[in-house]
Amino acid sequence: MRRDVEIGRGKIEGLQSQKLPAKKVEEGNECGMMIDAKIEIAGGDVLEAFVMNER
């Protein structure tokens, strides 16, 4: 989200916490992410994560 407007979607390909690979990071903790997206992420953007399940 940029200025409260969704500008695109992507997929989290990798996640790190304390420079180590991680499967999850608790809210409020810093992390690094490898993201597959068609847009360029800029400082100040808000990333919202959710799980999509196929039926």
N, C-alpha and C. Protein backbone atom coordinates (compact mmCIF):
# COMPACT_ATOMS: atom_id res chain seq x y z
N MET A 1 0.86 -1.16 0.00
CA MET A 1 0.00 0.00 0.00
C MET A 1 0.91 1.22 0.00
N ARG A 2 0.52 2.16 -0.80
CA ARG A 2 1.24 3.43 -0.84
C ARG A 2 0.20 4.53 -0.70
N ARG A 3 0.32 5.30 0.36
CA ARG A 3 -0.66 6.36 0.66
C ARG A 3 -2.08 5.79 0.69
N ASP A 4 -2.25 4.66 1.38
CA ASP A 4 -3.55 3.99 1.58
C ASP A 4 -4.18 3.47 0.29
N VAL A 5 -3.38 3.27 -0.77
CA VAL A 5 -3.89 2.73 -2.03
C VAL A 5 -3.08 1.48 -2.38
N GLU A 6 -3.78 0.38 -2.69
CA GLU A 6 -3.08 -0.84 -3.11
C GLU A 6 -2.47 -0.59 -4.48
N ILE A 7 -1.15 -0.80 -4.60
CA ILE A 7 -0.47 -0.56 -5.87
C ILE A 7 -0.05 -1.85 -6.56
N GLY A 8 -0.19 -2.97 -5.89
CA GLY A 8 0.16 -4.24 -6.51
C GLY A 8 0.17 -5.37 -5.51
N ARG A 9 0.39 -6.56 -6.05
CA ARG A 9 0.49 -7.77 -5.21
C ARG A 9 1.73 -8.53 -5.62
N GLY A 10 2.21 -9.34 -4.71
CA GLY A 10 3.40 -10.15 -4.97
C GLY A 10 3.39 -11.38 -4.10
N LYS A 11 4.50 -12.08 -4.12
CA LYS A 11 4.62 -13.32 -3.34
C LYS A 11 5.92 -13.27 -2.55
N ILE A 12 5.86 -13.63 -1.27
CA ILE A 12 7.06 -13.70 -0.44
C ILE A 12 7.78 -14.99 -0.80
N GLU A 13 8.98 -14.87 -1.37
CA GLU A 13 9.76 -16.03 -1.79
C GLU A 13 10.72 -16.49 -0.70
N GLY A 14 11.12 -15.59 0.19
CA GLY A 14 12.05 -15.95 1.27
C GLY A 14 11.92 -14.97 2.42
N LEU A 15 12.27 -15.44 3.61
CA LEU A 15 12.13 -14.64 4.82
C LEU A 15 13.34 -14.88 5.70
N GLN A 16 13.88 -13.79 6.29
CA GLN A 16 15.02 -13.90 7.20
C GLN A 16 14.76 -13.13 8.47
N SER A 17 15.27 -13.65 9.56
CA SER A 17 15.22 -12.96 10.86
C SER A 17 16.60 -13.12 11.49
N GLN A 18 17.20 -12.03 11.92
CA GLN A 18 18.57 -12.07 12.49
C GLN A 18 19.55 -12.68 11.49
N LYS A 19 19.35 -12.40 10.18
CA LYS A 19 20.20 -12.89 9.08
C LYS A 19 20.17 -14.41 8.91
N LEU A 20 19.16 -15.06 9.50
CA LEU A 20 18.99 -16.50 9.35
C LEU A 20 17.65 -16.78 8.66
N PRO A 21 17.58 -17.82 7.82
CA PRO A 21 16.30 -18.16 7.19
C PRO A 21 15.23 -18.40 8.25
N ALA A 22 14.01 -17.94 7.96
CA ALA A 22 12.91 -18.09 8.92
C ALA A 22 11.64 -18.48 8.18
N LYS A 23 10.75 -19.18 8.88
CA LYS A 23 9.44 -19.53 8.33
C LYS A 23 8.39 -18.51 8.74
N LYS A 24 8.64 -17.81 9.89
CA LYS A 24 7.71 -16.78 10.34
C LYS A 24 8.47 -15.77 11.20
N VAL A 25 7.92 -14.56 11.28
CA VAL A 25 8.47 -13.50 12.11
C VAL A 25 7.30 -12.87 12.84
N GLU A 26 7.41 -12.76 14.15
CA GLU A 26 6.31 -12.21 14.95
C GLU A 26 6.15 -10.71 14.70
N GLU A 27 4.94 -10.24 14.84
CA GLU A 27 4.62 -8.83 14.65
C GLU A 27 5.51 -7.95 15.53
N GLY A 28 6.01 -6.86 14.95
CA GLY A 28 6.85 -5.92 15.68
C GLY A 28 8.34 -6.19 15.57
N ASN A 29 8.72 -7.34 15.00
CA ASN A 29 10.13 -7.68 14.83
C ASN A 29 10.58 -7.36 13.41
N GLU A 30 11.85 -6.96 13.27
CA GLU A 30 12.40 -6.67 11.95
C GLU A 30 12.71 -7.97 11.22
N CYS A 31 12.63 -7.89 9.88
CA CYS A 31 12.95 -9.06 9.07
C CYS A 31 13.38 -8.60 7.68
N GLY A 32 13.93 -9.53 6.93
CA GLY A 32 14.25 -9.30 5.53
C GLY A 32 13.39 -10.22 4.69
N MET A 33 12.95 -9.72 3.52
CA MET A 33 12.08 -10.51 2.65
C MET A 33 12.57 -10.46 1.21
N MET A 34 12.48 -11.60 0.54
CA MET A 34 12.65 -11.66 -0.91
C MET A 34 11.24 -11.71 -1.47
N ILE A 35 10.88 -10.70 -2.26
CA ILE A 35 9.52 -10.59 -2.75
C ILE A 35 9.50 -10.62 -4.27
N ASP A 36 8.64 -11.46 -4.84
CA ASP A 36 8.42 -11.52 -6.28
C ASP A 36 7.21 -10.63 -6.58
N ALA A 37 7.48 -9.45 -7.14
CA ALA A 37 6.40 -8.50 -7.43
C ALA A 37 6.73 -7.74 -8.71
N LYS A 38 5.71 -7.25 -9.38
CA LYS A 38 5.91 -6.49 -10.61
C LYS A 38 6.12 -5.01 -10.36
N ILE A 39 5.95 -4.58 -9.12
CA ILE A 39 6.14 -3.17 -8.78
C ILE A 39 7.40 -3.04 -7.93
N GLU A 40 7.96 -1.84 -7.89
CA GLU A 40 9.13 -1.59 -7.05
C GLU A 40 8.65 -1.09 -5.70
N ILE A 41 9.12 -1.74 -4.65
CA ILE A 41 8.75 -1.35 -3.29
C ILE A 41 9.60 -0.16 -2.89
N ALA A 42 8.97 0.86 -2.31
CA ALA A 42 9.66 2.09 -1.91
C ALA A 42 9.57 2.27 -0.40
N GLY A 43 10.48 3.05 0.15
CA GLY A 43 10.44 3.37 1.57
C GLY A 43 9.10 3.99 1.93
N GLY A 44 8.52 3.58 3.03
CA GLY A 44 7.22 4.09 3.45
C GLY A 44 6.05 3.24 3.00
N ASP A 45 6.27 2.32 2.05
CA ASP A 45 5.20 1.42 1.62
C ASP A 45 4.82 0.50 2.78
N VAL A 46 3.57 0.10 2.82
CA VAL A 46 3.08 -0.83 3.83
C VAL A 46 2.83 -2.17 3.15
N LEU A 47 3.45 -3.23 3.69
CA LEU A 47 3.26 -4.57 3.15
C LEU A 47 2.30 -5.33 4.04
N GLU A 48 1.25 -5.88 3.43
CA GLU A 48 0.28 -6.69 4.16
C GLU A 48 0.44 -8.12 3.69
N ALA A 49 0.59 -9.06 4.62
CA ALA A 49 0.77 -10.47 4.27
C ALA A 49 -0.47 -11.27 4.65
N PHE A 50 -0.81 -12.23 3.79
CA PHE A 50 -1.94 -13.11 4.07
C PHE A 50 -1.69 -14.43 3.37
N VAL A 51 -2.40 -15.46 3.78
CA VAL A 51 -2.26 -16.80 3.20
C VAL A 51 -3.45 -17.04 2.28
N MET A 52 -3.16 -17.54 1.07
CA MET A 52 -4.23 -17.91 0.14
C MET A 52 -4.28 -19.43 0.06
N ASN A 53 -5.45 -20.00 0.30
CA ASN A 53 -5.65 -21.44 0.21
C ASN A 53 -6.47 -21.76 -1.02
N GLU A 54 -6.02 -22.74 -1.81
CA GLU A 54 -6.78 -23.18 -2.97
C GLU A 54 -7.78 -24.23 -2.56
N ARG A 55 -8.95 -24.21 -3.17
CA ARG A 55 -9.99 -25.21 -2.88
C ARG A 55 -10.09 -26.20 -4.00
